[in-house]
Amino acid sequence: MKTATLERNGISKEVVALISRLVDLIPSSGRRCAMGDVALSLLDGKHRVAEAK
């Protein structure tokens, strides 16, 4: 995973792992929306950083 955006925003690998586990628990109908919200909120809207998981 590209870490520059995460480091710039002060987001640890532990937080990334937690968010990944939480998003996996969301039913598939709302998962895409949740992933988009995470990208906008924590990754400066950079969806490529989220995709590089």
PDB file of N, CA and C in Angstrom:
ATOM      1  N   MET A   1       0.843  -1.180   0.000  1.00  0.00           N
ATOM      2  CA  MET A   1       0.000   0.000   0.000  1.00  0.00           C
ATOM      3  C   MET A   1       0.882   1.234   0.000  1.00  0.00           C
ATOM      4  N   LYS A   2       0.481   2.225  -0.757  1.00  0.00           N
ATOM      5  CA  LYS A   2       1.195   3.502  -0.747  1.00  0.00           C
ATOM      6  C   LYS A   2       0.954   4.166   0.597  1.00  0.00           C
ATOM      7  N   THR A   3       2.032   4.555   1.246  1.00  0.00           N
ATOM      8  CA  THR A   3       1.887   5.079   2.601  1.00  0.00           C
ATOM      9  C   THR A   3       2.055   6.582   2.717  1.00  0.00           C
ATOM     10  N   ALA A   4       2.462   7.271   1.669  1.00  0.00           N
ATOM     11  CA  ALA A   4       2.718   8.706   1.767  1.00  0.00           C
ATOM     12  C   ALA A   4       1.480   9.474   2.238  1.00  0.00           C
ATOM     13  N   THR A   5       0.334   9.199   1.667  1.00  0.00           N
ATOM     14  CA  THR A   5      -0.889   9.894   2.062  1.00  0.00           C
ATOM     15  C   THR A   5      -1.270   9.527   3.487  1.00  0.00           C
ATOM     16  N   LEU A   6      -1.108   8.262   3.836  1.00  0.00           N
ATOM     17  CA  LEU A   6      -1.432   7.831   5.193  1.00  0.00           C
ATOM     18  C   LEU A   6      -0.526   8.513   6.207  1.00  0.00           C
ATOM     19  N   GLU A   7       0.767   8.537   5.931  1.00  0.00           N
ATOM     20  CA  GLU A   7       1.706   9.181   6.839  1.00  0.00           C
ATOM     21  C   GLU A   7       1.436  10.672   6.956  1.00  0.00           C
ATOM     22  N   ARG A   8       1.148  11.308   5.826  1.00  0.00           N
ATOM     23  CA  ARG A   8       0.879  12.748   5.840  1.00  0.00           C
ATOM     24  C   ARG A   8      -0.344  13.063   6.708  1.00  0.00           C
ATOM     25  N   ASN A   9      -1.310  12.153   6.724  1.00  0.00           N
ATOM     26  CA  ASN A   9      -2.524  12.373   7.510  1.00  0.00           C
ATOM     27  C   ASN A   9      -2.442  11.762   8.905  1.00  0.00           C
ATOM     28  N   GLY A  10      -1.295  11.178   9.242  1.00  0.00           N
ATOM     29  CA  GLY A  10      -1.118  10.611  10.576  1.00  0.00           C
ATOM     30  C   GLY A  10      -1.933   9.358  10.820  1.00  0.00           C
ATOM     31  N   ILE A  11      -2.132   8.553   9.801  1.00  0.00           N
ATOM     32  CA  ILE A  11      -2.943   7.343   9.929  1.00  0.00           C
ATOM     33  C   ILE A  11      -2.007   6.139  10.022  1.00  0.00           C
ATOM     34  N   SER A  12      -2.104   5.420  11.128  1.00  0.00           N
ATOM     35  CA  SER A  12      -1.218   4.277  11.357  1.00  0.00           C
ATOM     36  C   SER A  12      -1.714   3.041  10.601  1.00  0.00           C
ATOM     37  N   LYS A  13      -0.834   2.067  10.468  1.00  0.00           N
ATOM     38  CA  LYS A  13      -1.198   0.802   9.821  1.00  0.00           C
ATOM     39  C   LYS A  13      -2.272   0.077  10.614  1.00  0.00           C
ATOM     40  N   GLU A  14      -2.258   0.255  11.919  1.00  0.00           N
ATOM     41  CA  GLU A  14      -3.275  -0.368  12.764  1.00  0.00           C
ATOM     42  C   GLU A  14      -4.662   0.188  12.457  1.00  0.00           C
ATOM     43  N   VAL A  15      -4.741   1.492  12.245  1.00  0.00           N
ATOM     44  CA  VAL A  15      -6.022   2.124  11.914  1.00  0.00           C
ATOM     45  C   VAL A  15      -6.500   1.627  10.543  1.00  0.00           C
ATOM     46  N   VAL A  16      -5.585   1.500   9.599  1.00  0.00           N
ATOM     47  CA  VAL A  16      -5.942   0.985   8.277  1.00  0.00           C
ATOM     48  C   VAL A  16      -6.505  -0.425   8.398  1.00  0.00           C
ATOM     49  N   ALA A  17      -5.859  -1.267   9.206  1.00  0.00           N
ATOM     50  CA  ALA A  17      -6.337  -2.635   9.398  1.00  0.00           C
ATOM     51  C   ALA A  17      -7.718  -2.651  10.048  1.00  0.00           C
ATOM     52  N   LEU A  18      -7.923  -1.794  11.026  1.00  0.00           N
ATOM     53  CA  LEU A  18      -9.220  -1.717  11.696  1.00  0.00           C
ATOM     54  C   LEU A  18     -10.315  -1.290  10.721  1.00  0.00           C
ATOM     55  N   ILE A  19     -10.057  -0.258   9.953  1.00  0.00           N
ATOM     56  CA  ILE A  19     -11.046   0.226   8.991  1.00  0.00           C
ATOM     57  C   ILE A  19     -11.355  -0.862   7.965  1.00  0.00           C
ATOM     58  N   SER A  20     -10.335  -1.575   7.513  1.00  0.00           N
ATOM     59  CA  SER A  20     -10.548  -2.658   6.548  1.00  0.00           C
ATOM     60  C   SER A  20     -11.464  -3.729   7.125  1.00  0.00           C
ATOM     61  N   ARG A  21     -11.227  -4.097   8.384  1.00  0.00           N
ATOM     62  CA  ARG A  21     -12.083  -5.116   9.019  1.00  0.00           C
ATOM     63  C   ARG A  21     -13.508  -4.610   9.184  1.00  0.00           C
ATOM     64  N   LEU A  22     -13.668  -3.344   9.570  1.00  0.00           N
ATOM     65  CA  LEU A  22     -15.009  -2.793   9.752  1.00  0.00           C
ATOM     66  C   LEU A  22     -15.774  -2.713   8.435  1.00  0.00           C
ATOM     67  N   VAL A  23     -15.106  -2.283   7.376  1.00  0.00           N
ATOM     68  CA  VAL A  23     -15.765  -2.188   6.071  1.00  0.00           C
ATOM     69  C   VAL A  23     -16.186  -3.577   5.600  1.00  0.00           C
ATOM     70  N   ASP A  24     -15.372  -4.583   5.886  1.00  0.00           N
ATOM     71  CA  ASP A  24     -15.725  -5.955   5.499  1.00  0.00           C
ATOM     72  C   ASP A  24     -16.991  -6.440   6.197  1.00  0.00           C
ATOM     73  N   LEU A  25     -17.302  -5.883   7.363  1.00  0.00           N
ATOM     74  CA  LEU A  25     -18.495  -6.286   8.098  1.00  0.00           C
ATOM     75  C   LEU A  25     -19.778  -5.645   7.562  1.00  0.00           C
ATOM     76  N   ILE A  26     -19.645  -4.611   6.760  1.00  0.00           N
ATOM     77  CA  ILE A  26     -20.814  -3.908   6.213  1.00  0.00           C
ATOM     78  C   ILE A  26     -21.406  -4.752   5.084  1.00  0.00           C
ATOM     79  N   PRO A  27     -22.729  -4.919   5.064  1.00  0.00           N
ATOM     80  CA  PRO A  27     -23.345  -5.677   3.964  1.00  0.00           C
ATOM     81  C   PRO A  27     -22.951  -5.091   2.610  1.00  0.00           C
ATOM     82  N   SER A  28     -22.880  -5.940   1.618  1.00  0.00           N
ATOM     83  CA  SER A  28     -22.368  -5.533   0.304  1.00  0.00           C
ATOM     84  C   SER A  28     -23.118  -4.346  -0.292  1.00  0.00           C
ATOM     85  N   SER A  29     -24.378  -4.172   0.049  1.00  0.00           N
ATOM     86  CA  SER A  29     -25.146  -3.065  -0.510  1.00  0.00           C
ATOM     87  C   SER A  29     -24.628  -1.703  -0.063  1.00  0.00           C
ATOM     88  N   GLY A  30     -24.007  -1.616   1.103  1.00  0.00           N
ATOM     89  CA  GLY A  30     -23.514  -0.337   1.596  1.00  0.00           C
ATOM     90  C   GLY A  30     -22.004  -0.233   1.633  1.00  0.00           C
ATOM     91  N   ARG A  31     -21.325  -1.305   1.260  1.00  0.00           N
ATOM     92  CA  ARG A  31     -19.861  -1.341   1.366  1.00  0.00           C
ATOM     93  C   ARG A  31     -19.185  -0.324   0.471  1.00  0.00           C
ATOM     94  N   ARG A  32     -19.663  -0.182  -0.740  1.00  0.00           N
ATOM     95  CA  ARG A  32     -19.036   0.761  -1.677  1.00  0.00           C
ATOM     96  C   ARG A  32     -19.126   2.192  -1.154  1.00  0.00           C
ATOM     97  N   CYS A  33     -20.254   2.533  -0.605  1.00  0.00           N
ATOM     98  CA  CYS A  33     -20.445   3.865  -0.041  1.00  0.00           C
ATOM     99  C   CYS A  33     -19.508   4.079   1.153  1.00  0.00           C
ATOM    100  N   ALA A  34     -19.384   3.058   1.997  1.00  0.00           N
ATOM    101  CA  ALA A  34     -18.501   3.157   3.161  1.00  0.00           C
ATOM    102  C   ALA A  34     -17.055   3.314   2.722  1.00  0.00           C
ATOM    103  N   MET A  35     -16.629   2.578   1.724  1.00  0.00           N
ATOM    104  CA  MET A  35     -15.263   2.675   1.234  1.00  0.00           C
ATOM    105  C   MET A  35     -15.002   4.053   0.648  1.00  0.00           C
ATOM    106  N   GLY A  36     -15.973   4.598  -0.059  1.00  0.00           N
ATOM    107  CA  GLY A  36     -15.833   5.947  -0.603  1.00  0.00           C
ATOM    108  C   GLY A  36     -15.722   6.987   0.486  1.00  0.00           C
ATOM    109  N   ASP A  37     -16.501   6.807   1.543  1.00  0.00           N
ATOM    110  CA  ASP A  37     -16.452   7.740   2.662  1.00  0.00           C
ATOM    111  C   ASP A  37     -15.090   7.702   3.342  1.00  0.00           C
ATOM    112  N   VAL A  38     -14.518   6.510   3.497  1.00  0.00           N
ATOM    113  CA  VAL A  38     -13.180   6.386   4.090  1.00  0.00           C
ATOM    114  C   VAL A  38     -12.158   7.087   3.206  1.00  0.00           C
ATOM    115  N   ALA A  39     -12.241   6.864   1.909  1.00  0.00           N
ATOM    116  CA  ALA A  39     -11.281   7.501   0.993  1.00  0.00           C
ATOM    117  C   ALA A  39     -11.380   9.022   1.066  1.00  0.00           C
ATOM    118  N   LEU A  40     -12.588   9.539   1.103  1.00  0.00           N
ATOM    119  CA  LEU A  40     -12.760  10.988   1.185  1.00  0.00           C
ATOM    120  C   LEU A  40     -12.291  11.538   2.528  1.00  0.00           C
ATOM    121  N   SER A  41     -12.607  10.841   3.599  1.00  0.00           N
ATOM    122  CA  SER A  41     -12.307  11.339   4.932  1.00  0.00           C
ATOM    123  C   SER A  41     -10.844  11.202   5.329  1.00  0.00           C
ATOM    124  N   LEU A  42     -10.247  10.069   5.021  1.00  0.00           N
ATOM    125  CA  LEU A  42      -8.917   9.787   5.539  1.00  0.00           C
ATOM    126  C   LEU A  42      -7.805   9.831   4.510  1.00  0.00           C
ATOM    127  N   LEU A  43      -8.154   9.697   3.248  1.00  0.00           N
ATOM    128  CA  LEU A  43      -7.129   9.580   2.210  1.00  0.00           C
ATOM    129  C   LEU A  43      -7.148  10.737   1.232  1.00  0.00           C
ATOM    130  N   ASP A  44      -7.641  11.871   1.644  1.00  0.00           N
ATOM    131  CA  ASP A  44      -7.713  13.072   0.795  1.00  0.00           C
ATOM    132  C   ASP A  44      -8.460  12.809  -0.509  1.00  0.00           C
ATOM    133  N   GLY A  45      -9.394  11.869  -0.486  1.00  0.00           N
ATOM    134  CA  GLY A  45     -10.173  11.557  -1.683  1.00  0.00           C
ATOM    135  C   GLY A  45      -9.392  10.767  -2.721  1.00  0.00           C
ATOM    136  N   LYS A  46      -8.214  10.268  -2.375  1.00  0.00           N
ATOM    137  CA  LYS A  46      -7.372   9.544  -3.323  1.00  0.00           C
ATOM    138  C   LYS A  46      -7.744   8.060  -3.317  1.00  0.00           C
ATOM    139  N   HIS A  47      -8.642   7.707  -4.209  1.00  0.00           N
ATOM    140  CA  HIS A  47      -9.135   6.328  -4.240  1.00  0.00           C
ATOM    141  C   HIS A  47      -8.053   5.337  -4.622  1.00  0.00           C
ATOM    142  N   ARG A  48      -7.037   5.749  -5.336  1.00  0.00           N
ATOM    143  CA  ARG A  48      -5.942   4.837  -5.719  1.00  0.00           C
ATOM    144  C   ARG A  48      -5.181   4.350  -4.496  1.00  0.00           C
ATOM    145  N   VAL A  49      -5.074   5.177  -3.464  1.00  0.00           N
ATOM    146  CA  VAL A  49      -4.411   4.751  -2.233  1.00  0.00           C
ATOM    147  C   VAL A  49      -5.228   3.631  -1.591  1.00  0.00           C
ATOM    148  N   ALA A  50      -6.534   3.786  -1.580  1.00  0.00           N
ATOM    149  CA  ALA A  50      -7.404   2.765  -1.020  1.00  0.00           C
ATOM    150  C   ALA A  50      -7.349   1.475  -1.844  1.00  0.00           C
ATOM    151  N   GLU A  51      -7.247   1.607  -3.164  1.00  0.00           N
ATOM    152  CA  GLU A  51      -7.214   0.430  -4.028  1.00  0.00           C
ATOM    153  C   GLU A  51      -5.924  -0.348  -3.878  1.00  0.00           C
ATOM    154  N   ALA A  52      -4.856   0.292  -3.441  1.00  0.00           N
ATOM    155  CA  ALA A  52      -3.550  -0.347  -3.357  1.00  0.00           C
ATOM    156  C   ALA A  52      -3.404  -1.245  -2.145  1.00  0.00           C
ATOM    157  N   LYS A  53      -4.498  -1.547  -1.479  1.00  0.00           N
ATOM    158  CA  LYS A  53      -4.491  -2.377  -0.267  1.00  0.00           C
ATOM    159  C   LYS A  53      -3.888  -3.722  -0.551  1.00  0.00           C
TER     160      LYS A  53
END
